[in-house]
């Protein structure tokens, strides 16, 4: 499994908050030209790193704009669209 500051199972089940924050923080780019997130199948750790540090054409999103609780809710939402594999599945790969 992955180690480091981004490792660990998704710490939220708040899909309502996750979808809301996805729409307000992520969808603007990811639904108008940026790579699609649906069905990426990234691990939670990889997605956390991308969100916080950025990469490619994406700038990192600081905790002041997306709290850790909000980010975890976004990850939980992304599981429902295949963007992230849930912790149990990721741990067994």
PDB file of N, CA and C in Angstrom:
ATOM      1  N   UNK A   1       0.824  -1.213   0.000  1.00  0.00           N
ATOM      2  CA  UNK A   1       0.000   0.000   0.000  1.00  0.00           C
ATOM      3  C   UNK A   1       0.852   1.255   0.000  1.00  0.00           C
ATOM      4  N   UNK A   2       0.241   2.370  -0.189  1.00  0.00           N
ATOM      5  CA  UNK A   2       0.976   3.624  -0.220  1.00  0.00           C
ATOM      6  C   UNK A   2       1.187   4.151   1.189  1.00  0.00           C
ATOM      7  N   UNK A   3       2.306   4.823   1.388  1.00  0.00           N
ATOM      8  CA  UNK A   3       2.603   5.426   2.676  1.00  0.00           C
ATOM      9  C   UNK A   3       2.824   6.918   2.473  1.00  0.00           C
ATOM     10  N   UNK A   4       2.965   7.644   3.568  1.00  0.00           N
ATOM     11  CA  UNK A   4       3.207   9.065   3.462  1.00  0.00           C
ATOM     12  C   UNK A   4       1.985   9.877   3.825  1.00  0.00           C
ATOM     13  N   UNK A   5       2.101  11.187   3.671  1.00  0.00           N
ATOM     14  CA  UNK A   5       1.034  12.077   4.155  1.00  0.00           C
ATOM     15  C   UNK A   5      -0.289  11.918   3.432  1.00  0.00           C
ATOM     16  N   UNK A   6      -0.291  11.315   2.258  1.00  0.00           N
ATOM     17  CA  UNK A   6      -1.533  11.209   1.485  1.00  0.00           C
ATOM     18  C   UNK A   6      -2.186   9.831   1.605  1.00  0.00           C
ATOM     19  N   UNK A   7      -1.538   8.914   2.323  1.00  0.00           N
ATOM     20  CA  UNK A   7      -2.046   7.544   2.424  1.00  0.00           C
ATOM     21  C   UNK A   7      -3.261   7.467   3.327  1.00  0.00           C
ATOM     22  N   UNK A   8      -3.985   6.369   3.219  1.00  0.00           N
ATOM     23  CA  UNK A   8      -5.099   6.117   4.130  1.00  0.00           C
ATOM     24  C   UNK A   8      -6.423   6.006   3.411  1.00  0.00           C
ATOM     25  N   UNK A   9      -7.342   5.328   4.088  1.00  0.00           N
ATOM     26  CA  UNK A   9      -8.687   5.163   3.543  1.00  0.00           C
ATOM     27  C   UNK A   9      -9.416   6.505   3.526  1.00  0.00           C
ATOM     28  N   UNK A  10     -10.425   6.593   2.700  1.00  0.00           N
ATOM     29  CA  UNK A  10     -11.237   7.813   2.613  1.00  0.00           C
ATOM     30  C   UNK A  10     -11.977   8.024   3.932  1.00  0.00           C
ATOM     31  N   UNK A  11     -11.861   9.224   4.480  1.00  0.00           N
ATOM     32  CA  UNK A  11     -12.345   9.495   5.832  1.00  0.00           C
ATOM     33  C   UNK A  11     -13.689  10.209   5.849  1.00  0.00           C
ATOM     34  N   UNK A  12     -14.490  10.022   4.815  1.00  0.00           N
ATOM     35  CA  UNK A  12     -15.802  10.662   4.766  1.00  0.00           C
ATOM     36  C   UNK A  12     -16.765   9.767   4.002  1.00  0.00           C
ATOM     37  N   UNK A  13     -18.039   9.879   4.360  1.00  0.00           N
ATOM     38  CA  UNK A  13     -19.094   9.240   3.577  1.00  0.00           C
ATOM     39  C   UNK A  13     -20.131  10.275   3.156  1.00  0.00           C
ATOM     40  N   UNK A  14     -19.753  11.560   3.240  1.00  0.00           N
ATOM     41  CA  UNK A  14     -20.697  12.654   2.977  1.00  0.00           C
ATOM     42  C   UNK A  14     -20.748  12.955   1.482  1.00  0.00           C
ATOM     43  N   UNK A  15     -21.543  12.163   0.768  1.00  0.00           N
ATOM     44  CA  UNK A  15     -21.601  12.321  -0.683  1.00  0.00           C
ATOM     45  C   UNK A  15     -22.229  13.642  -1.094  1.00  0.00           C
ATOM     46  N   UNK A  16     -23.156  14.143  -0.289  1.00  0.00           N
ATOM     47  CA  UNK A  16     -23.804  15.416  -0.626  1.00  0.00           C
ATOM     48  C   UNK A  16     -22.788  16.546  -0.611  1.00  0.00           C
ATOM     49  N   UNK A  17     -22.003  16.622   0.455  1.00  0.00           N
ATOM     50  CA  UNK A  17     -20.949  17.638   0.540  1.00  0.00           C
ATOM     51  C   UNK A  17     -19.928  17.420  -0.567  1.00  0.00           C
ATOM     52  N   UNK A  18     -19.571  16.165  -0.794  1.00  0.00           N
ATOM     53  CA  UNK A  18     -18.559  15.874  -1.806  1.00  0.00           C
ATOM     54  C   UNK A  18     -18.977  16.320  -3.191  1.00  0.00           C
ATOM     55  N   UNK A  19     -20.233  16.043  -3.544  1.00  0.00           N
ATOM     56  CA  UNK A  19     -20.711  16.455  -4.862  1.00  0.00           C
ATOM     57  C   UNK A  19     -20.786  17.970  -4.963  1.00  0.00           C
ATOM     58  N   UNK A  20     -21.234  18.597  -3.871  1.00  0.00           N
ATOM     59  CA  UNK A  20     -21.315  20.062  -3.853  1.00  0.00           C
ATOM     60  C   UNK A  20     -19.938  20.689  -4.060  1.00  0.00           C
ATOM     61  N   UNK A  21     -18.931  20.182  -3.341  1.00  0.00           N
ATOM     62  CA  UNK A  21     -17.589  20.736  -3.466  1.00  0.00           C
ATOM     63  C   UNK A  21     -16.964  20.390  -4.820  1.00  0.00           C
ATOM     64  N   UNK A  22     -17.272  19.203  -5.333  1.00  0.00           N
ATOM     65  CA  UNK A  22     -16.800  18.854  -6.679  1.00  0.00           C
ATOM     66  C   UNK A  22     -17.352  19.852  -7.694  1.00  0.00           C
ATOM     67  N   UNK A  23     -18.652  20.123  -7.598  1.00  0.00           N
ATOM     68  CA  UNK A  23     -19.267  21.053  -8.554  1.00  0.00           C
ATOM     69  C   UNK A  23     -18.662  22.450  -8.433  1.00  0.00           C
ATOM     70  N   UNK A  24     -18.388  22.894  -7.200  1.00  0.00           N
ATOM     71  CA  UNK A  24     -17.924  24.264  -7.017  1.00  0.00           C
ATOM     72  C   UNK A  24     -16.421  24.426  -7.229  1.00  0.00           C
ATOM     73  N   UNK A  25     -15.631  23.369  -6.975  1.00  0.00           N
ATOM     74  CA  UNK A  25     -14.180  23.503  -7.031  1.00  0.00           C
ATOM     75  C   UNK A  25     -13.525  22.790  -8.212  1.00  0.00           C
ATOM     76  N   UNK A  26     -14.171  21.756  -8.746  1.00  0.00           N
ATOM     77  CA  UNK A  26     -13.506  20.888  -9.718  1.00  0.00           C
ATOM     78  C   UNK A  26     -14.162  20.908 -11.101  1.00  0.00           C
ATOM     79  N   UNK A  27     -15.493  20.939 -11.106  1.00  0.00           N
ATOM     80  CA  UNK A  27     -16.216  20.733 -12.361  1.00  0.00           C
ATOM     81  C   UNK A  27     -15.960  21.845 -13.373  1.00  0.00           C
ATOM     82  N   UNK A  28     -15.697  23.058 -12.912  1.00  0.00           N
ATOM     83  CA  UNK A  28     -15.489  24.172 -13.827  1.00  0.00           C
ATOM     84  C   UNK A  28     -14.449  23.860 -14.883  1.00  0.00           C
ATOM     85  N   UNK A  29     -13.352  23.227 -14.446  1.00  0.00           N
ATOM     86  CA  UNK A  29     -12.310  22.835 -15.402  1.00  0.00           C
ATOM     87  C   UNK A  29     -12.541  21.430 -15.941  1.00  0.00           C
ATOM     88  N   UNK A  30     -12.896  20.511 -15.052  1.00  0.00           N
ATOM     89  CA  UNK A  30     -12.921  19.109 -15.460  1.00  0.00           C
ATOM     90  C   UNK A  30     -14.109  18.747 -16.328  1.00  0.00           C
ATOM     91  N   UNK A  31     -15.064  19.663 -16.454  1.00  0.00           N
ATOM     92  CA  UNK A  31     -16.162  19.405 -17.372  1.00  0.00           C
ATOM     93  C   UNK A  31     -16.129  20.358 -18.560  1.00  0.00           C
ATOM     94  N   UNK A  32     -14.991  21.046 -18.729  1.00  0.00           N
ATOM     95  CA  UNK A  32     -14.855  21.931 -19.891  1.00  0.00           C
ATOM     96  C   UNK A  32     -13.421  21.931 -20.399  1.00  0.00           C
ATOM     97  N   UNK A  33     -12.902  20.750 -20.661  1.00  0.00           N
ATOM     98  CA  UNK A  33     -11.600  20.680 -21.313  1.00  0.00           C
ATOM     99  C   UNK A  33     -10.527  19.938 -20.536  1.00  0.00           C
ATOM    100  N   UNK A  34     -10.507  20.069 -19.210  1.00  0.00           N
ATOM    101  CA  UNK A  34      -9.500  19.338 -18.437  1.00  0.00           C
ATOM    102  C   UNK A  34      -9.836  17.849 -18.469  1.00  0.00           C
ATOM    103  N   UNK A  35      -8.846  17.004 -18.231  1.00  0.00           N
ATOM    104  CA  UNK A  35      -9.118  15.560 -18.287  1.00  0.00           C
ATOM    105  C   UNK A  35     -10.293  15.153 -17.403  1.00  0.00           C
ATOM    106  N   UNK A  36     -11.080  14.238 -17.894  1.00  0.00           N
ATOM    107  CA  UNK A  36     -12.230  13.751 -17.133  1.00  0.00           C
ATOM    108  C   UNK A  36     -11.759  12.950 -15.930  1.00  0.00           C
ATOM    109  N   UNK A  37     -12.479  13.082 -14.828  1.00  0.00           N
ATOM    110  CA  UNK A  37     -12.134  12.362 -13.605  1.00  0.00           C
ATOM    111  C   UNK A  37     -12.875  11.026 -13.545  1.00  0.00           C
ATOM    112  N   UNK A  38     -14.069  10.968 -14.125  1.00  0.00           N
ATOM    113  CA  UNK A  38     -14.859   9.737 -14.080  1.00  0.00           C
ATOM    114  C   UNK A  38     -14.045   8.568 -14.646  1.00  0.00           C
ATOM    115  N   UNK A  39     -14.085   7.460 -13.933  1.00  0.00           N
ATOM    116  CA  UNK A  39     -13.453   6.210 -14.350  1.00  0.00           C
ATOM    117  C   UNK A  39     -11.923   6.256 -14.420  1.00  0.00           C
ATOM    118  N   UNK A  40     -11.304   7.254 -13.778  1.00  0.00           N
ATOM    119  CA  UNK A  40      -9.836   7.255 -13.700  1.00  0.00           C
ATOM    120  C   UNK A  40      -9.332   6.087 -12.862  1.00  0.00           C
ATOM    121  N   UNK A  41     -10.043   5.796 -11.772  1.00  0.00           N
ATOM    122  CA  UNK A  41      -9.648   4.687 -10.915  1.00  0.00           C
ATOM    123  C   UNK A  41      -8.390   4.922 -10.100  1.00  0.00           C
ATOM    124  N   UNK A  42      -8.088   6.179  -9.780  1.00  0.00           N
ATOM    125  CA  UNK A  42      -6.906   6.480  -8.975  1.00  0.00           C
ATOM    126  C   UNK A  42      -7.119   6.062  -7.531  1.00  0.00           C
ATOM    127  N   UNK A  43      -6.022   5.818  -6.818  1.00  0.00           N
ATOM    128  CA  UNK A  43      -6.096   5.556  -5.379  1.00  0.00           C
ATOM    129  C   UNK A  43      -6.426   6.855  -4.650  1.00  0.00           C
ATOM    130  N   UNK A  44      -6.986   6.748  -3.440  1.00  0.00           N
ATOM    131  CA  UNK A  44      -7.213   7.972  -2.658  1.00  0.00           C
ATOM    132  C   UNK A  44      -5.926   8.780  -2.481  1.00  0.00           C
ATOM    133  N   UNK A  45      -4.809   8.093  -2.214  1.00  0.00           N
ATOM    134  CA  UNK A  45      -3.549   8.804  -1.988  1.00  0.00           C
ATOM    135  C   UNK A  45      -3.121   9.597  -3.221  1.00  0.00           C
ATOM    136  N   UNK A  46      -3.234   8.970  -4.375  1.00  0.00           N
ATOM    137  CA  UNK A  46      -2.826   9.670  -5.610  1.00  0.00           C
ATOM    138  C   UNK A  46      -3.723  10.877  -5.864  1.00  0.00           C
ATOM    139  N   UNK A  47      -5.024  10.729  -5.599  1.00  0.00           N
ATOM    140  CA  UNK A  47      -5.939  11.846  -5.822  1.00  0.00           C
ATOM    141  C   UNK A  47      -5.692  12.958  -4.820  1.00  0.00           C
ATOM    142  N   UNK A  48      -5.436  12.601  -3.561  1.00  0.00           N
ATOM    143  CA  UNK A  48      -5.115  13.644  -2.568  1.00  0.00           C
ATOM    144  C   UNK A  48      -3.887  14.436  -2.992  1.00  0.00           C
ATOM    145  N   UNK A  49      -2.853  13.724  -3.460  1.00  0.00           N
ATOM    146  CA  UNK A  49      -1.626  14.400  -3.876  1.00  0.00           C
ATOM    147  C   UNK A  49      -1.910  15.345  -5.041  1.00  0.00           C
ATOM    148  N   UNK A  50      -2.706  14.885  -6.003  1.00  0.00           N
ATOM    149  CA  UNK A  50      -3.041  15.729  -7.155  1.00  0.00           C
ATOM    150  C   UNK A  50      -3.807  16.974  -6.713  1.00  0.00           C
ATOM    151  N   UNK A  51      -4.754  16.783  -5.798  1.00  0.00           N
ATOM    152  CA  UNK A  51      -5.561  17.916  -5.336  1.00  0.00           C
ATOM    153  C   UNK A  51      -4.684  18.931  -4.614  1.00  0.00           C
ATOM    154  N   UNK A  52      -3.848  18.481  -3.712  1.00  0.00           N
ATOM    155  CA  UNK A  52      -3.042  19.402  -2.905  1.00  0.00           C
ATOM    156  C   UNK A  52      -1.851  19.979  -3.652  1.00  0.00           C
ATOM    157  N   UNK A  53      -1.174  19.182  -4.474  1.00  0.00           N
ATOM    158  CA  UNK A  53       0.070  19.622  -5.109  1.00  0.00           C
ATOM    159  C   UNK A  53      -0.110  20.006  -6.566  1.00  0.00           C
ATOM    160  N   UNK A  54      -1.213  19.554  -7.166  1.00  0.00           N
ATOM    161  CA  UNK A  54      -1.412  19.818  -8.579  1.00  0.00           C
ATOM    162  C   UNK A  54      -0.527  18.934  -9.427  1.00  0.00           C
ATOM    163  N   UNK A  55      -0.543  19.201 -10.713  1.00  0.00           N
ATOM    164  CA  UNK A  55       0.246  18.411 -11.653  1.00  0.00           C
ATOM    165  C   UNK A  55      -0.350  18.582 -13.033  1.00  0.00           C
ATOM    166  N   UNK A  56       0.476  18.454 -14.045  1.00  0.00           N
ATOM    167  CA  UNK A  56      -0.003  18.747 -15.389  1.00  0.00           C
ATOM    168  C   UNK A  56      -0.378  20.212 -15.458  1.00  0.00           C
ATOM    169  N   UNK A  57      -1.570  20.516 -15.958  1.00  0.00           N
ATOM    170  CA  UNK A  57      -2.016  21.907 -16.037  1.00  0.00           C
ATOM    171  C   UNK A  57      -2.796  22.347 -14.805  1.00  0.00           C
ATOM    172  N   UNK A  58      -2.907  21.456 -13.807  1.00  0.00           N
ATOM    173  CA  UNK A  58      -3.715  21.760 -12.634  1.00  0.00           C
ATOM    174  C   UNK A  58      -2.867  22.360 -11.536  1.00  0.00           C
ATOM    175  N   UNK A  59      -3.364  23.449 -10.959  1.00  0.00           N
ATOM    176  CA  UNK A  59      -2.731  24.011  -9.769  1.00  0.00           C
ATOM    177  C   UNK A  59      -3.251  23.280  -8.545  1.00  0.00           C
ATOM    178  N   UNK A  60      -2.410  23.145  -7.539  1.00  0.00           N
ATOM    179  CA  UNK A  60      -2.845  22.542  -6.288  1.00  0.00           C
ATOM    180  C   UNK A  60      -3.921  23.400  -5.628  1.00  0.00           C
ATOM    181  N   UNK A  61      -4.785  22.752  -4.869  1.00  0.00           N
ATOM    182  CA  UNK A  61      -5.855  23.450  -4.159  1.00  0.00           C
ATOM    183  C   UNK A  61      -5.505  23.437  -2.674  1.00  0.00           C
ATOM    184  N   UNK A  62      -5.241  24.613  -2.089  1.00  0.00           N
ATOM    185  CA  UNK A  62      -4.822  24.651  -0.684  1.00  0.00           C
ATOM    186  C   UNK A  62      -5.988  24.378   0.266  1.00  0.00           C
ATOM    187  N   UNK A  63      -5.634  24.040   1.505  1.00  0.00           N
ATOM    188  CA  UNK A  63      -6.643  23.726   2.512  1.00  0.00           C
ATOM    189  C   UNK A  63      -7.568  24.918   2.771  1.00  0.00           C
ATOM    190  N   UNK A  64      -7.072  26.122   2.493  1.00  0.00           N
ATOM    191  CA  UNK A  64      -7.918  27.308   2.689  1.00  0.00           C
ATOM    192  C   UNK A  64      -9.081  27.359   1.705  1.00  0.00           C
ATOM    193  N   UNK A  65      -8.954  26.655   0.568  1.00  0.00           N
ATOM    194  CA  UNK A  65     -10.031  26.623  -0.428  1.00  0.00           C
ATOM    195  C   UNK A  65     -10.814  25.327  -0.409  1.00  0.00           C
ATOM    196  N   UNK A  66     -10.200  24.275   0.144  1.00  0.00           N
ATOM    197  CA  UNK A  66     -10.854  22.970   0.230  1.00  0.00           C
ATOM    198  C   UNK A  66     -10.278  22.297   1.474  1.00  0.00           C
ATOM    199  N   UNK A  67     -11.063  22.295   2.558  1.00  0.00           N
ATOM    200  CA  UNK A  67     -10.559  21.742   3.812  1.00  0.00           C
ATOM    201  C   UNK A  67     -10.319  20.246   3.660  1.00  0.00           C
ATOM    202  N   UNK A  68      -9.580  19.677   4.592  1.00  0.00           N
ATOM    203  CA  UNK A  68      -9.352  18.234   4.532  1.00  0.00           C
ATOM    204  C   UNK A  68     -10.662  17.466   4.604  1.00  0.00           C
ATOM    205  N   UNK A  69     -11.591  17.919   5.449  1.00  0.00           N
ATOM    206  CA  UNK A  69     -12.894  17.240   5.530  1.00  0.00           C
ATOM    207  C   UNK A  69     -13.620  17.318   4.191  1.00  0.00           C
ATOM    208  N   UNK A  70     -13.561  18.491   3.556  1.00  0.00           N
ATOM    209  CA  UNK A  70     -14.211  18.648   2.255  1.00  0.00           C
ATOM    210  C   UNK A  70     -13.539  17.786   1.197  1.00  0.00           C
ATOM    211  N   UNK A  71     -12.210  17.719   1.235  1.00  0.00           N
ATOM    212  CA  UNK A  71     -11.487  16.903   0.272  1.00  0.00           C
ATOM    213  C   UNK A  71     -11.860  15.432   0.433  1.00  0.00           C
ATOM    214  N   UNK A  72     -11.977  14.958   1.670  1.00  0.00           N
ATOM    215  CA  UNK A  72     -12.367  13.569   1.891  1.00  0.00           C
ATOM    216  C   UNK A  72     -13.769  13.304   1.353  1.00  0.00           C
ATOM    217  N   UNK A  73     -14.662  14.280   1.512  1.00  0.00           N
ATOM    218  CA  UNK A  73     -16.011  14.127   0.966  1.00  0.00           C
ATOM    219  C   UNK A  73     -15.968  14.075  -0.558  1.00  0.00           C
ATOM    220  N   UNK A  74     -15.118  14.892  -1.168  1.00  0.00           N
ATOM    221  CA  UNK A  74     -14.956  14.843  -2.626  1.00  0.00           C
ATOM    222  C   UNK A  74     -14.456  13.465  -3.050  1.00  0.00           C
ATOM    223  N   UNK A  75     -13.495  12.921  -2.312  1.00  0.00           N
ATOM    224  CA  UNK A  75     -13.000  11.583  -2.655  1.00  0.00           C
ATOM    225  C   UNK A  75     -14.120  10.555  -2.585  1.00  0.00           C
ATOM    226  N   UNK A  76     -14.951  10.654  -1.542  1.00  0.00           N
ATOM    227  CA  UNK A  76     -16.071   9.710  -1.407  1.00  0.00           C
ATOM    228  C   UNK A  76     -17.008   9.833  -2.606  1.00  0.00           C
ATOM    229  N   UNK A  77     -17.255  11.077  -3.041  1.00  0.00           N
ATOM    230  CA  UNK A  77     -18.089  11.278  -4.229  1.00  0.00           C
ATOM    231  C   UNK A  77     -17.414  10.699  -5.472  1.00  0.00           C
ATOM    232  N   UNK A  78     -16.109  10.906  -5.604  1.00  0.00           N
ATOM    233  CA  UNK A  78     -15.409  10.426  -6.794  1.00  0.00           C
ATOM    234  C   UNK A  78     -15.447   8.907  -6.904  1.00  0.00           C
ATOM    235  N   UNK A  79     -15.534   8.198  -5.765  1.00  0.00           N
ATOM    236  CA  UNK A  79     -15.696   6.743  -5.818  1.00  0.00           C
ATOM    237  C   UNK A  79     -16.965   6.392  -6.603  1.00  0.00           C
ATOM    238  N   UNK A  80     -18.023   7.187  -6.425  1.00  0.00           N
ATOM    239  CA  UNK A  80     -19.305   6.865  -7.052  1.00  0.00           C
ATOM    240  C   UNK A  80     -19.263   7.045  -8.565  1.00  0.00           C
ATOM    241  N   UNK A  81     -18.303   7.826  -9.083  1.00  0.00           N
ATOM    242  CA  UNK A  81     -18.180   7.998 -10.532  1.00  0.00           C
ATOM    243  C   UNK A  81     -16.934   7.293 -11.078  1.00  0.00           C
ATOM    244  N   UNK A  82     -16.270   6.524 -10.219  1.00  0.00           N
ATOM    245  CA  UNK A  82     -15.121   5.752 -10.668  1.00  0.00           C
ATOM    246  C   UNK A  82     -13.822   6.524 -10.739  1.00  0.00           C
ATOM    247  N   UNK A  83     -13.823   7.753 -10.268  1.00  0.00           N
ATOM    248  CA  UNK A  83     -12.600   8.544 -10.302  1.00  0.00           C
ATOM    249  C   UNK A  83     -11.562   8.051  -9.316  1.00  0.00           C
ATOM    250  N   UNK A  84     -12.057   7.518  -8.201  1.00  0.00           N
ATOM    251  CA  UNK A  84     -11.193   6.998  -7.143  1.00  0.00           C
ATOM    252  C   UNK A  84     -11.666   5.590  -6.801  1.00  0.00           C
ATOM    253  N   UNK A  85     -10.702   4.696  -6.553  1.00  0.00           N
ATOM    254  CA  UNK A  85     -11.066   3.382  -6.043  1.00  0.00           C
ATOM    255  C   UNK A  85     -11.135   3.478  -4.529  1.00  0.00           C
ATOM    256  N   UNK A  86     -12.103   2.826  -3.904  1.00  0.00           N
ATOM    257  CA  UNK A  86     -12.221   2.956  -2.452  1.00  0.00           C
ATOM    258  C   UNK A  86     -11.037   2.297  -1.772  1.00  0.00           C
ATOM    259  N   UNK A  87     -10.814   2.647  -0.528  1.00  0.00           N
ATOM    260  CA  UNK A  87      -9.622   2.209   0.180  1.00  0.00           C
ATOM    261  C   UNK A  87      -9.455   0.701   0.199  1.00  0.00           C
ATOM    262  N   UNK A  88     -10.531  -0.035   0.383  1.00  0.00           N
ATOM    263  CA  UNK A  88     -10.448  -1.494   0.466  1.00  0.00           C
ATOM    264  C   UNK A  88      -9.933  -2.076  -0.843  1.00  0.00           C
ATOM    265  N   UNK A  89     -10.467  -1.577  -1.954  1.00  0.00           N
ATOM    266  CA  UNK A  89     -10.040  -2.074  -3.256  1.00  0.00           C
ATOM    267  C   UNK A  89      -8.590  -1.683  -3.531  1.00  0.00           C
ATOM    268  N   UNK A  90      -8.241  -0.442  -3.181  1.00  0.00           N
ATOM    269  CA  UNK A  90      -6.889   0.046  -3.450  1.00  0.00           C
ATOM    270  C   UNK A  90      -5.860  -0.738  -2.631  1.00  0.00           C
ATOM    271  N   UNK A  91      -6.217  -1.073  -1.396  1.00  0.00           N
ATOM    272  CA  UNK A  91      -5.278  -1.757  -0.516  1.00  0.00           C
ATOM    273  C   UNK A  91      -4.957  -3.162  -1.014  1.00  0.00           C
ATOM    274  N   UNK A  92      -5.902  -3.759  -1.740  1.00  0.00           N
ATOM    275  CA  UNK A  92      -5.704  -5.141  -2.178  1.00  0.00           C
ATOM    276  C   UNK A  92      -5.031  -5.242  -3.540  1.00  0.00           C
ATOM    277  N   UNK A  93      -4.773  -4.124  -4.187  1.00  0.00           N
ATOM    278  CA  UNK A  93      -4.173  -4.147  -5.531  1.00  0.00           C
ATOM    279  C   UNK A  93      -2.658  -4.346  -5.463  1.00  0.00           C
TER     280      UNK A  93
END
